[in-house]
Amino acid sequence: MSVSPHSHVKTVMYGKVRLYTGTSSPELASQIASYLNVNLCDRDIVTFPNDNIFVKLHKSVRGQDCYVIQSTSIPVHRNLMEMLILIQTLRLDSAARITAVVPYLCYTRSDKKDQPRVPITARLVADMIEVAGADRYMTFDLHADQIQGFFSIPGDVLYAYHVLIDPMKELVSKMEKPVMVSPDLGFAKKARNYASSLDIPLAFIEKRRLTNAPTAKALTLIGDVTDRDCIVLDEEISTGNTIGTAVKLIKEHGAKSITVVFIHPVLSPGSAEMLASLPVDNFITTDTIPISKEDLAFFGDKLKVISIAHLLGEVILRANQGRSVGQLFNE
């Protein structure tokens, strides 16, 4: 995706942009700062011996437009608390506006009471962000779009589609009889949107999760993958069990080649090694969550990471200037 030039725009709505980051996404934050031609603001984040987190800003943010960039990935609770404490610190220092920029939002799979006596933790996380002092939020590809309704503050829910679709078009142009495969029915609607843009057919796997364990049994492949180049598309990969089952199933049905595209590389311990051992030709993901050097080594040159930094940077700029974000996507 190409973003429009912005150097000629002078309007500022909420004071200067001030970028802060916790410890979860330093490289992404640096790339966003570079796009905006600003420096990341200095702050101290200290962990005391009792595991409590302490934050101190180096300079006043009174009257400024502040953005806290932090993915709430593993370690989830530390990253979440860092973000909340940073937000509250900015609020107590009289920032004019505070935006929580959360490329990956934790607990979004806990979005409803689908069993007796269970929480709706996604709502709790939304409440915590608001209570900490955020005025707005930005995030990518929520597990369920209705999670937007858990927030009372305005926000921008962005989609990795805008950075993934061009590399996927290039990929499809080199394939023979390509087909999009959704590894479960829950993601089929989003996969259909990608398939429609790529002008390729869609297949999907009907699976059933029998317990609360992080495993699911794939039951049926609906669609034709025989002698086709397959793109398996999913929202996030944590353990890799769902993708592993999907890859095995479509291979059994005669898939010619397999490329796995996923948005959030959660990659719980051991998953990268398992994924790298699958009969998959290529992996494509984004940097909503940083991937460790150890996990990158398992994938080698099979993995391509597409950055969301320029897209997020442009959205931050437009928010600061009071300009339309939808216009960026011709909406």
C-alpha atoms as a PDB file:
ATOM      1  CA  MET A   1       0.000   0.000   0.000  1.00  0.00           C
ATOM      2  CA  SER A   2       1.252   3.478  -0.842  1.00  0.00           C
ATOM      3  CA  VAL A   3       0.406   6.314   1.537  1.00  0.00           C
ATOM      4  CA  SER A   4      -0.101   9.852   0.399  1.00  0.00           C
ATOM      5  CA  PRO A   5       2.580  12.500   1.016  1.00  0.00           C
ATOM      6  CA  HIS A   6       1.879  14.694   3.994  1.00  0.00           C
ATOM      7  CA  SER A   7       4.689  17.236   4.245  1.00  0.00           C
ATOM      8  CA  HIS A   8       2.505  20.075   2.884  1.00  0.00           C
ATOM      9  CA  VAL A   9      -0.151  19.747   5.602  1.00  0.00           C
ATOM     10  CA  LYS A  10       0.292  22.213   8.474  1.00  0.00           C
ATOM     11  CA  THR A  11      -2.914  21.863  10.490  1.00  0.00           C
ATOM     12  CA  VAL A  12      -2.456  20.650  14.083  1.00  0.00           C
ATOM     13  CA  MET A  13      -5.453  19.939  16.333  1.00  0.00           C
ATOM     14  CA  TYR A  14      -4.055  18.832  19.686  1.00  0.00           C
ATOM     15  CA  GLY A  15      -0.523  20.139  20.003  1.00  0.00           C
ATOM     16  CA  LYS A  16       2.574  18.314  18.798  1.00  0.00           C
ATOM     17  CA  VAL A  17       2.738  14.540  18.385  1.00  0.00           C
ATOM     18  CA  ARG A  18       4.524  12.862  21.274  1.00  0.00           C
ATOM     19  CA  LEU A  19       5.334   9.181  20.776  1.00  0.00           C
ATOM     20  CA  TYR A  20       5.922   6.893  23.734  1.00  0.00           C
ATOM     21  CA  THR A  21       6.530   3.174  23.721  1.00  0.00           C
ATOM     22  CA  GLY A  22       6.713   0.438  26.284  1.00  0.00           C
ATOM     23  CA  THR A  23       9.118  -2.470  25.941  1.00  0.00           C
ATOM     24  CA  SER A  24       7.017  -4.734  23.701  1.00  0.00           C
ATOM     25  CA  SER A  25       7.407  -3.089  20.272  1.00  0.00           C
ATOM     26  CA  PRO A  26      10.509  -0.858  20.193  1.00  0.00           C
ATOM     27  CA  GLU A  27      11.395  -1.495  16.517  1.00  0.00           C
ATOM     28  CA  LEU A  28       7.871  -0.785  15.281  1.00  0.00           C
ATOM     29  CA  ALA A  29       7.737   2.385  17.388  1.00  0.00           C
ATOM     30  CA  SER A  30      11.083   3.542  15.950  1.00  0.00           C
ATOM     31  CA  GLN A  31       9.842   3.007  12.393  1.00  0.00           C
ATOM     32  CA  ILE A  32       6.668   4.982  13.118  1.00  0.00           C
ATOM     33  CA  ALA A  33       8.769   7.798  14.605  1.00  0.00           C
ATOM     34  CA  SER A  34      10.984   7.775  11.512  1.00  0.00           C
ATOM     35  CA  TYR A  35       7.933   8.018   9.229  1.00  0.00           C
ATOM     36  CA  LEU A  36       6.618  10.991  11.216  1.00  0.00           C
ATOM     37  CA  ASN A  37      10.093  12.556  11.404  1.00  0.00           C
ATOM     38  CA  VAL A  38       9.928  12.834  15.196  1.00  0.00           C
ATOM     39  CA  ASN A  39      11.900  11.272  18.020  1.00  0.00           C
ATOM     40  CA  LEU A  40      10.522   8.753  20.480  1.00  0.00           C
ATOM     41  CA  CYS A  41      10.085  10.524  23.804  1.00  0.00           C
ATOM     42  CA  ASP A  42      12.357   9.447  26.631  1.00  0.00           C
ATOM     43  CA  ARG A  43      10.906   7.696  29.652  1.00  0.00           C
ATOM     44  CA  ASP A  44      12.141   5.368  32.355  1.00  0.00           C
ATOM     45  CA  ILE A  45      10.477   1.988  32.856  1.00  0.00           C
ATOM     46  CA  VAL A  46      11.847   0.237  35.923  1.00  0.00           C
ATOM     47  CA  THR A  47      10.856  -3.115  37.404  1.00  0.00           C
ATOM     48  CA  PHE A  48      11.359  -3.220  41.169  1.00  0.00           C
ATOM     49  CA  PRO A  49      12.420  -6.408  43.017  1.00  0.00           C
ATOM     50  CA  ASN A  50       8.772  -7.004  43.968  1.00  0.00           C
ATOM     51  CA  ASP A  51       7.922  -7.082  40.217  1.00  0.00           C
ATOM     52  CA  ASN A  52       6.080  -3.746  40.355  1.00  0.00           C
ATOM     53  CA  ILE A  53       6.538  -1.437  37.364  1.00  0.00           C
ATOM     54  CA  PHE A  54       7.560   2.223  37.717  1.00  0.00           C
ATOM     55  CA  VAL A  55       7.343   4.814  34.917  1.00  0.00           C
ATOM     56  CA  LYS A  56       8.784   8.329  34.771  1.00  0.00           C
ATOM     57  CA  LEU A  57       8.658  10.789  31.860  1.00  0.00           C
ATOM     58  CA  HIS A  58      11.783  12.835  31.085  1.00  0.00           C
ATOM     59  CA  LYS A  59       9.842  15.903  29.891  1.00  0.00           C
ATOM     60  CA  SER A  60       6.446  17.481  30.438  1.00  0.00           C
ATOM     61  CA  VAL A  61       3.644  16.603  28.000  1.00  0.00           C
ATOM     62  CA  ARG A  62       1.216  19.300  29.145  1.00  0.00           C
ATOM     63  CA  GLY A  63      -1.062  20.237  26.260  1.00  0.00           C
ATOM     64  CA  GLN A  64       0.475  17.702  23.874  1.00  0.00           C
ATOM     65  CA  ASP A  65      -1.022  14.939  21.678  1.00  0.00           C
ATOM     66  CA  CYS A  66       0.434  11.707  23.069  1.00  0.00           C
ATOM     67  CA  TYR A  67       0.487   8.209  21.547  1.00  0.00           C
ATOM     68  CA  VAL A  68       1.451   5.109  23.545  1.00  0.00           C
ATOM     69  CA  ILE A  69       2.633   2.340  21.203  1.00  0.00           C
ATOM     70  CA  GLN A  70       2.462  -1.077  22.843  1.00  0.00           C
ATOM     71  CA  SER A  71       1.419  -4.539  21.683  1.00  0.00           C
ATOM     72  CA  THR A  72      -0.104  -6.555  24.509  1.00  0.00           C
ATOM     73  CA  SER A  73       1.516  -9.799  23.400  1.00  0.00           C
ATOM     74  CA  ILE A  74       3.601 -12.292  25.399  1.00  0.00           C
ATOM     75  CA  PRO A  75       4.337 -11.510  28.246  1.00  0.00           C
ATOM     76  CA  VAL A  76       0.743 -10.318  28.159  1.00  0.00           C
ATOM     77  CA  HIS A  77       0.269  -9.027  31.675  1.00  0.00           C
ATOM     78  CA  ARG A  78       3.537  -7.132  31.873  1.00  0.00           C
ATOM     79  CA  ASN A  79       2.926  -5.476  28.503  1.00  0.00           C
ATOM     80  CA  LEU A  80      -0.651  -4.625  29.414  1.00  0.00           C
ATOM     81  CA  MET A  81       0.362  -3.085  32.749  1.00  0.00           C
ATOM     82  CA  GLU A  82       3.202  -1.108  31.137  1.00  0.00           C
ATOM     83  CA  MET A  83       0.728   0.409  28.714  1.00  0.00           C
ATOM     84  CA  LEU A  84      -1.827   1.234  31.402  1.00  0.00           C
ATOM     85  CA  ILE A  85       0.798   2.834  33.666  1.00  0.00           C
ATOM     86  CA  LEU A  86       2.233   4.865  30.772  1.00  0.00           C
ATOM     87  CA  ILE A  87      -1.247   6.117  29.899  1.00  0.00           C
ATOM     88  CA  GLN A  88      -1.976   7.105  33.486  1.00  0.00           C
ATOM     89  CA  THR A  89       1.398   8.844  33.786  1.00  0.00           C
ATOM     90  CA  LEU A  90       0.595  10.948  30.712  1.00  0.00           C
ATOM     91  CA  ARG A  91      -2.876  11.746  32.045  1.00  0.00           C
ATOM     92  CA  LEU A  92      -1.494  12.914  35.391  1.00  0.00           C
ATOM     93  CA  ASP A  93       1.005  15.118  33.540  1.00  0.00           C
ATOM     94  CA  SER A  94      -1.886  16.929  31.787  1.00  0.00           C
ATOM     95  CA  ALA A  95      -1.504  15.619  28.243  1.00  0.00           C
ATOM     96  CA  ALA A  96      -4.139  17.198  25.975  1.00  0.00           C
ATOM     97  CA  ARG A  97      -5.062  13.864  24.385  1.00  0.00           C
ATOM     98  CA  ILE A  98      -3.822  10.296  24.840  1.00  0.00           C
ATOM     99  CA  THR A  99      -4.195   7.552  22.240  1.00  0.00           C
ATOM    100  CA  ALA A 100      -3.448   3.907  23.034  1.00  0.00           C
ATOM    101  CA  VAL A 101      -1.851   2.451  19.896  1.00  0.00           C
ATOM    102  CA  VAL A 102      -2.195  -1.306  20.376  1.00  0.00           C
ATOM    103  CA  PRO A 103      -1.239  -3.211  17.206  1.00  0.00           C
ATOM    104  CA  TYR A 104      -2.221  -6.468  18.916  1.00  0.00           C
ATOM    105  CA  LEU A 105      -4.870  -6.312  21.637  1.00  0.00           C
ATOM    106  CA  CYS A 106      -4.856  -9.146  24.166  1.00  0.00           C
ATOM    107  CA  TYR A 107      -7.885 -11.166  25.315  1.00  0.00           C
ATOM    108  CA  THR A 108      -9.933 -10.451  22.183  1.00  0.00           C
ATOM    109  CA  ARG A 109     -10.913 -14.138  21.944  1.00  0.00           C
ATOM    110  CA  SER A 110     -12.747 -13.734  25.247  1.00  0.00           C
ATOM    111  CA  ASP A 111     -15.458 -11.573  23.676  1.00  0.00           C
ATOM    112  CA  LYS A 112     -18.671 -13.295  24.827  1.00  0.00           C
ATOM    113  CA  LYS A 113     -20.162 -15.675  27.380  1.00  0.00           C
ATOM    114  CA  ASP A 114     -20.151 -18.842  25.301  1.00  0.00           C
ATOM    115  CA  GLN A 115     -20.145 -21.053  28.391  1.00  0.00           C
ATOM    116  CA  PRO A 116     -21.714 -20.739  31.842  1.00  0.00           C
ATOM    117  CA  ARG A 117     -19.689 -18.937  34.522  1.00  0.00           C
ATOM    118  CA  VAL A 118     -17.015 -17.408  32.275  1.00  0.00           C
ATOM    119  CA  PRO A 119     -15.818 -13.768  31.953  1.00  0.00           C
ATOM    120  CA  ILE A 120     -15.887 -11.379  29.016  1.00  0.00           C
ATOM    121  CA  THR A 121     -12.260 -10.348  29.433  1.00  0.00           C
ATOM    122  CA  ALA A 122     -12.080  -8.284  26.240  1.00  0.00           C
ATOM    123  CA  ARG A 123     -14.608  -5.901  27.809  1.00  0.00           C
ATOM    124  CA  LEU A 124     -12.507  -5.748  30.986  1.00  0.00           C
ATOM    125  CA  VAL A 125      -9.388  -4.793  28.988  1.00  0.00           C
ATOM    126  CA  ALA A 126     -11.328  -2.062  27.157  1.00  0.00           C
ATOM    127  CA  ASP A 127     -12.535  -0.690  30.501  1.00  0.00           C
ATOM    128  CA  MET A 128      -8.987  -0.707  31.900  1.00  0.00           C
ATOM    129  CA  ILE A 129      -7.647   1.281  28.944  1.00  0.00           C
ATOM    130  CA  GLU A 130     -10.355   3.903  29.414  1.00  0.00           C
ATOM    131  CA  VAL A 131      -9.976   4.096  33.211  1.00  0.00           C
ATOM    132  CA  ALA A 132      -6.200   4.534  32.835  1.00  0.00           C
ATOM    133  CA  GLY A 133      -6.917   7.736  30.916  1.00  0.00           C
ATOM    134  CA  ALA A 134      -6.902   6.997  27.173  1.00  0.00           C
ATOM    135  CA  ASP A 135      -9.024   9.314  25.016  1.00  0.00           C
ATOM    136  CA  ARG A 136      -8.741   7.177  21.888  1.00  0.00           C
ATOM    137  CA  TYR A 137      -7.398   3.824  20.750  1.00  0.00           C
ATOM    138  CA  MET A 138      -5.940   2.325  17.581  1.00  0.00           C
ATOM    139  CA  THR A 139      -5.584  -1.375  16.888  1.00  0.00           C
ATOM    140  CA  PHE A 140      -5.406  -3.976  14.122  1.00  0.00           C
ATOM    141  CA  ASP A 141      -7.750  -6.820  13.164  1.00  0.00           C
ATOM    142  CA  LEU A 142      -9.758  -7.531  16.274  1.00  0.00           C
ATOM    143  CA  HIS A 143     -10.832 -11.153  16.650  1.00  0.00           C
ATOM    144  CA  ALA A 144     -14.456  -9.957  16.475  1.00  0.00           C
ATOM    145  CA  ASP A 145     -15.484  -6.537  15.181  1.00  0.00           C
ATOM    146  CA  GLN A 146     -18.162  -6.175  17.884  1.00  0.00           C
ATOM    147  CA  ILE A 147     -15.342  -5.685  20.413  1.00  0.00           C
ATOM    148  CA  GLN A 148     -15.368  -2.067  19.210  1.00  0.00           C
ATOM    149  CA  GLY A 149     -18.622  -1.771  21.148  1.00  0.00           C
ATOM    150  CA  PHE A 150     -16.804  -2.535  24.420  1.00  0.00           C
ATOM    151  CA  PHE A 151     -15.098   0.872  24.183  1.00  0.00           C
ATOM    152  CA  SER A 152     -16.884   4.113  25.052  1.00  0.00           C
ATOM    153  CA  ILE A 153     -14.019   6.145  23.608  1.00  0.00           C
ATOM    154  CA  PRO A 154     -13.549   6.610  19.836  1.00  0.00           C
ATOM    155  CA  GLY A 155     -11.017   4.498  18.009  1.00  0.00           C
ATOM    156  CA  ASP A 156      -9.590   3.373  14.696  1.00  0.00           C
ATOM    157  CA  VAL A 157      -9.715  -0.363  14.026  1.00  0.00           C
ATOM    158  CA  LEU A 158      -7.342  -0.884  11.127  1.00  0.00           C
ATOM    159  CA  TYR A 159      -6.916  -3.926   8.913  1.00  0.00           C
ATOM    160  CA  ALA A 160      -3.700  -5.590   7.798  1.00  0.00           C
ATOM    161  CA  TYR A 161      -5.466  -6.203   4.473  1.00  0.00           C
ATOM    162  CA  HIS A 162      -4.162  -2.807   3.360  1.00  0.00           C
ATOM    163  CA  VAL A 163      -0.510  -3.859   3.730  1.00  0.00           C
ATOM    164  CA  LEU A 164      -0.902  -7.558   2.851  1.00  0.00           C
ATOM    165  CA  ILE A 165      -3.010  -7.394  -0.292  1.00  0.00           C
ATOM    166  CA  ASP A 166      -0.268  -6.119  -2.638  1.00  0.00           C
ATOM    167  CA  PRO A 167       2.309  -8.796  -1.653  1.00  0.00           C
ATOM    168  CA  MET A 168      -0.468 -11.382  -1.979  1.00  0.00           C
ATOM    169  CA  LYS A 169      -1.358 -10.147  -5.473  1.00  0.00           C
ATOM    170  CA  GLU A 170       2.282 -10.520  -6.453  1.00  0.00           C
ATOM    171  CA  LEU A 171       2.281 -14.022  -4.993  1.00  0.00           C
ATOM    172  CA  VAL A 172      -0.912 -15.048  -6.805  1.00  0.00           C
ATOM    173  CA  SER A 173       0.457 -13.801 -10.138  1.00  0.00           C
ATOM    174  CA  LYS A 174       3.131 -16.521  -9.917  1.00  0.00           C
ATOM    175  CA  MET A 175       0.752 -19.348  -8.937  1.00  0.00           C
ATOM    176  CA  GLU A 176      -1.085 -21.958 -10.950  1.00  0.00           C
ATOM    177  CA  LYS A 177      -4.766 -22.376 -10.095  1.00  0.00           C
ATOM    178  CA  PRO A 178      -4.468 -20.502  -6.767  1.00  0.00           C
ATOM    179  CA  VAL A 179      -7.099 -20.959  -4.050  1.00  0.00           C
ATOM    180  CA  MET A 180      -7.634 -19.219  -0.701  1.00  0.00           C
ATOM    181  CA  VAL A 181      -8.163 -21.536   2.271  1.00  0.00           C
ATOM    182  CA  SER A 182      -9.681 -20.405   5.582  1.00  0.00           C
ATOM    183  CA  PRO A 183      -8.635 -22.797   8.379  1.00  0.00           C
ATOM    184  CA  ASP A 184     -11.949 -22.303  10.219  1.00  0.00           C
ATOM    185  CA  LEU A 185     -15.463 -21.021   9.555  1.00  0.00           C
ATOM    186  CA  GLY A 186     -15.027 -18.088  11.953  1.00  0.00           C
ATOM    187  CA  PHE A 187     -12.461 -16.457   9.661  1.00  0.00           C
ATOM    188  CA  ALA A 188     -14.216 -17.408   6.410  1.00  0.00           C
ATOM    189  CA  LYS A 189     -15.869 -13.996   5.918  1.00  0.00           C
ATOM    190  CA  LYS A 190     -12.568 -12.094   6.085  1.00  0.00           C
ATOM    191  CA  ALA A 191     -10.875 -14.742   3.923  1.00  0.00           C
ATOM    192  CA  ARG A 192     -13.643 -14.284   1.360  1.00  0.00           C
ATOM    193  CA  ASN A 193     -12.835 -10.556   1.169  1.00  0.00           C
ATOM    194  CA  TYR A 194      -9.192 -11.359   0.422  1.00  0.00           C
ATOM    195  CA  ALA A 195     -10.182 -14.027  -2.125  1.00  0.00           C
ATOM    196  CA  SER A 196     -12.536 -11.569  -3.837  1.00  0.00           C
ATOM    197  CA  SER A 197      -9.803  -8.925  -4.135  1.00  0.00           C
ATOM    198  CA  LEU A 198      -7.401 -11.521  -5.507  1.00  0.00           C
ATOM    199  CA  ASP A 199     -10.096 -12.959  -7.832  1.00  0.00           C
ATOM    200  CA  ILE A 200      -9.454 -16.523  -6.692  1.00  0.00           C
ATOM    201  CA  PRO A 201     -11.817 -19.203  -5.296  1.00  0.00           C
ATOM    202  CA  LEU A 202     -12.267 -19.868  -1.590  1.00  0.00           C
ATOM    203  CA  ALA A 203     -12.144 -23.138   0.327  1.00  0.00           C
ATOM    204  CA  PHE A 204     -12.537 -23.529   4.057  1.00  0.00           C
ATOM    205  CA  ILE A 205     -12.173 -26.070   6.808  1.00  0.00           C
ATOM    206  CA  GLU A 206     -14.984 -26.873   9.196  1.00  0.00           C
ATOM    207  CA  LYS A 207     -13.547 -27.675  12.591  1.00  0.00           C
ATOM    208  CA  ARG A 208     -14.816 -28.100  16.108  1.00  0.00           C
ATOM    209  CA  ARG A 209     -13.187 -27.146  19.389  1.00  0.00           C
ATOM    210  CA  LEU A 210     -14.305 -29.832  21.820  1.00  0.00           C
ATOM    211  CA  THR A 211     -12.849 -28.453  25.078  1.00  0.00           C
ATOM    212  CA  ASN A 212     -11.151 -25.330  26.425  1.00  0.00           C
ATOM    213  CA  ALA A 213      -7.795 -26.832  25.474  1.00  0.00           C
ATOM    214  CA  PRO A 214      -5.926 -24.876  22.748  1.00  0.00           C
ATOM    215  CA  THR A 215      -6.489 -27.632  20.208  1.00  0.00           C
ATOM    216  CA  ALA A 216      -9.246 -28.250  17.701  1.00  0.00           C
ATOM    217  CA  LYS A 217     -10.204 -31.155  15.489  1.00  0.00           C
ATOM    218  CA  ALA A 218     -10.509 -30.386  11.785  1.00  0.00           C
ATOM    219  CA  LEU A 219     -13.491 -32.196  10.360  1.00  0.00           C
ATOM    220  CA  THR A 220     -14.169 -31.330   6.732  1.00  0.00           C
ATOM    221  CA  LEU A 221     -12.558 -29.521   3.813  1.00  0.00           C
ATOM    222  CA  ILE A 222     -15.154 -27.646   1.783  1.00  0.00           C
ATOM    223  CA  GLY A 223     -13.822 -26.676  -1.639  1.00  0.00           C
ATOM    224  CA  ASP A 224     -11.293 -27.930  -4.169  1.00  0.00           C
ATOM    225  CA  VAL A 225      -7.540 -27.815  -3.485  1.00  0.00           C
ATOM    226  CA  THR A 226      -6.398 -30.747  -5.647  1.00  0.00           C
ATOM    227  CA  ASP A 227      -3.355 -29.813  -7.763  1.00  0.00           C
ATOM    228  CA  ARG A 228      -3.765 -26.174  -6.695  1.00  0.00           C
ATOM    229  CA  ASP A 229      -1.423 -23.628  -5.110  1.00  0.00           C
ATOM    230  CA  CYS A 230      -3.019 -22.844  -1.758  1.00  0.00           C
ATOM    231  CA  ILE A 231      -2.895 -19.713   0.405  1.00  0.00           C
ATOM    232  CA  VAL A 232      -3.926 -20.544   3.972  1.00  0.00           C
ATOM    233  CA  LEU A 233      -5.026 -17.300   5.635  1.00  0.00           C
ATOM    234  CA  ASP A 234      -5.592 -16.837   9.368  1.00  0.00           C
ATOM    235  CA  GLU A 235      -5.908 -13.968  11.810  1.00  0.00           C
ATOM    236  CA  GLU A 236      -3.291 -15.075  14.323  1.00  0.00           C
ATOM    237  CA  ILE A 237      -1.063 -18.042  15.042  1.00  0.00           C
ATOM    238  CA  SER A 238      -0.357 -18.919  18.664  1.00  0.00           C
ATOM    239  CA  THR A 239       0.337 -22.627  19.171  1.00  0.00           C
ATOM    240  CA  GLY A 240       0.144 -23.380  15.442  1.00  0.00           C
ATOM    241  CA  ASN A 241      -2.111 -26.383  16.003  1.00  0.00           C
ATOM    242  CA  THR A 242      -4.943 -25.053  13.832  1.00  0.00           C
ATOM    243  CA  ILE A 243      -2.601 -24.256  10.935  1.00  0.00           C
ATOM    244  CA  GLY A 244      -0.779 -27.568  11.366  1.00  0.00           C
ATOM    245  CA  THR A 245      -4.064 -29.470  11.120  1.00  0.00           C
ATOM    246  CA  ALA A 246      -5.175 -27.394   8.132  1.00  0.00           C
ATOM    247  CA  VAL A 247      -1.905 -27.925   6.256  1.00  0.00           C
ATOM    248  CA  LYS A 248      -2.062 -31.670   6.866  1.00  0.00           C
ATOM    249  CA  LEU A 249      -5.667 -31.846   5.658  1.00  0.00           C
ATOM    250  CA  ILE A 250      -5.182 -29.925   2.413  1.00  0.00           C
ATOM    251  CA  LYS A 251      -2.007 -31.865   1.673  1.00  0.00           C
ATOM    252  CA  GLU A 252      -4.028 -35.060   2.037  1.00  0.00           C
ATOM    253  CA  HIS A 253      -6.476 -33.596  -0.497  1.00  0.00           C
ATOM    254  CA  GLY A 254      -3.717 -33.068  -3.060  1.00  0.00           C
ATOM    255  CA  ALA A 255      -2.595 -29.437  -2.621  1.00  0.00           C
ATOM    256  CA  LYS A 256       0.317 -28.626  -4.924  1.00  0.00           C
ATOM    257  CA  SER A 257       1.957 -25.933  -2.777  1.00  0.00           C
ATOM    258  CA  ILE A 258       1.049 -24.079   0.415  1.00  0.00           C
ATOM    259  CA  THR A 259       1.709 -20.519   1.555  1.00  0.00           C
ATOM    260  CA  VAL A 260       0.563 -19.501   5.043  1.00  0.00           C
ATOM    261  CA  VAL A 261      -0.439 -15.858   5.587  1.00  0.00           C
ATOM    262  CA  PHE A 262      -1.303 -14.660   9.083  1.00  0.00           C
ATOM    263  CA  ILE A 263      -1.759 -11.242  10.641  1.00  0.00           C
ATOM    264  CA  HIS A 264      -0.658 -11.518  14.276  1.00  0.00           C
ATOM    265  CA  PRO A 265       2.482 -13.644  14.958  1.00  0.00           C
ATOM    266  CA  VAL A 266       1.675 -14.522  18.576  1.00  0.00           C
ATOM    267  CA  LEU A 267       3.939 -17.601  18.337  1.00  0.00           C
ATOM    268  CA  SER A 268       3.801 -19.172  21.781  1.00  0.00           C
ATOM    269  CA  PRO A 269       6.899 -21.144  22.891  1.00  0.00           C
ATOM    270  CA  GLY A 270       7.672 -24.049  20.553  1.00  0.00           C
ATOM    271  CA  SER A 271       5.277 -22.963  17.813  1.00  0.00           C
ATOM    272  CA  ALA A 272       7.856 -21.456  15.430  1.00  0.00           C
ATOM    273  CA  GLU A 273       9.879 -24.673  15.315  1.00  0.00           C
ATOM    274  CA  MET A 274       6.719 -26.693  14.681  1.00  0.00           C
ATOM    275  CA  LEU A 275       5.492 -24.360  11.949  1.00  0.00           C
ATOM    276  CA  ALA A 276       8.869 -24.351  10.215  1.00  0.00           C
ATOM    277  CA  SER A 277       8.725 -28.156  10.014  1.00  0.00           C
ATOM    278  CA  LEU A 278       5.407 -28.153   8.121  1.00  0.00           C
ATOM    279  CA  PRO A 279       5.306 -28.754   4.337  1.00  0.00           C
ATOM    280  CA  VAL A 280       4.775 -25.034   3.723  1.00  0.00           C
ATOM    281  CA  ASP A 281       6.659 -23.165   1.011  1.00  0.00           C
ATOM    282  CA  ASN A 282       6.365 -19.649   2.432  1.00  0.00           C
ATOM    283  CA  PHE A 283       5.037 -17.738   5.431  1.00  0.00           C
ATOM    284  CA  ILE A 284       3.888 -14.102   5.327  1.00  0.00           C
ATOM    285  CA  THR A 285       2.964 -12.076   8.408  1.00  0.00           C
ATOM    286  CA  THR A 286       3.109  -8.542   9.842  1.00  0.00           C
ATOM    287  CA  ASP A 287       5.011  -6.865  12.666  1.00  0.00           C
ATOM    288  CA  THR A 288       1.989  -6.181  14.899  1.00  0.00           C
ATOM    289  CA  ILE A 289       3.989  -8.375  17.301  1.00  0.00           C
ATOM    290  CA  PRO A 290       7.799  -8.554  17.164  1.00  0.00           C
ATOM    291  CA  ILE A 291       9.265 -11.969  16.360  1.00  0.00           C
ATOM    292  CA  SER A 292      12.289 -13.049  18.370  1.00  0.00           C
ATOM    293  CA  LYS A 293      15.606 -13.760  16.653  1.00  0.00           C
ATOM    294  CA  GLU A 294      15.357 -17.374  17.794  1.00  0.00           C
ATOM    295  CA  ASP A 295      11.975 -17.836  16.104  1.00  0.00           C
ATOM    296  CA  LEU A 296      13.128 -16.007  12.967  1.00  0.00           C
ATOM    297  CA  ALA A 297      16.028 -18.454  12.743  1.00  0.00           C
ATOM    298  CA  PHE A 298      13.619 -21.417  12.610  1.00  0.00           C
ATOM    299  CA  PHE A 299      11.808 -19.944   9.603  1.00  0.00           C
ATOM    300  CA  GLY A 300      14.931 -18.814   7.744  1.00  0.00           C
ATOM    301  CA  ASP A 301      14.139 -17.343   4.326  1.00  0.00           C
ATOM    302  CA  LYS A 302      10.669 -18.904   4.302  1.00  0.00           C
ATOM    303  CA  LEU A 303       9.238 -16.015   6.332  1.00  0.00           C
ATOM    304  CA  LYS A 304       8.432 -12.535   5.011  1.00  0.00           C
ATOM    305  CA  VAL A 305       7.391  -9.835   7.514  1.00  0.00           C
ATOM    306  CA  ILE A 306       5.337  -6.922   6.152  1.00  0.00           C
ATOM    307  CA  SER A 307       5.553  -3.769   8.272  1.00  0.00           C
ATOM    308  CA  ILE A 308       2.490  -1.818   9.412  1.00  0.00           C
ATOM    309  CA  ALA A 309       4.675   1.140  10.498  1.00  0.00           C
ATOM    310  CA  HIS A 310       3.941   3.490   7.572  1.00  0.00           C
ATOM    311  CA  LEU A 311       0.215   2.805   7.755  1.00  0.00           C
ATOM    312  CA  LEU A 312       0.107   3.433  11.503  1.00  0.00           C
ATOM    313  CA  GLY A 313       2.286   6.516  11.108  1.00  0.00           C
ATOM    314  CA  GLU A 314      -0.082   7.999   8.536  1.00  0.00           C
ATOM    315  CA  VAL A 315      -3.124   7.266  10.697  1.00  0.00           C
ATOM    316  CA  ILE A 316      -1.448   8.922  13.698  1.00  0.00           C
ATOM    317  CA  LEU A 317      -0.626  11.952  11.567  1.00  0.00           C
ATOM    318  CA  ARG A 318      -4.198  12.255  10.298  1.00  0.00           C
ATOM    319  CA  ALA A 319      -5.580  11.876  13.822  1.00  0.00           C
ATOM    320  CA  ASN A 320      -3.287  14.670  15.032  1.00  0.00           C
ATOM    321  CA  GLN A 321      -4.330  16.945  12.171  1.00  0.00           C
ATOM    322  CA  GLY A 322      -8.035  16.147  12.431  1.00  0.00           C
ATOM    323  CA  ARG A 323      -8.161  14.655   8.925  1.00  0.00           C
ATOM    324  CA  SER A 324     -10.150  11.665   7.700  1.00  0.00           C
ATOM    325  CA  VAL A 325      -8.629   8.212   8.177  1.00  0.00           C
ATOM    326  CA  GLY A 326     -11.247   6.576   5.957  1.00  0.00           C
ATOM    327  CA  GLN A 327     -10.144   8.780   3.072  1.00  0.00           C
ATOM    328  CA  LEU A 328      -6.767   7.013   3.208  1.00  0.00           C
ATOM    329  CA  PHE A 329      -8.562   3.824   2.134  1.00  0.00           C
ATOM    330  CA  ASN A 330     -10.967   5.547  -0.288  1.00  0.00           C
ATOM    331  CA  GLU A 331     -13.818   5.023   2.154  1.00  0.00           C
END
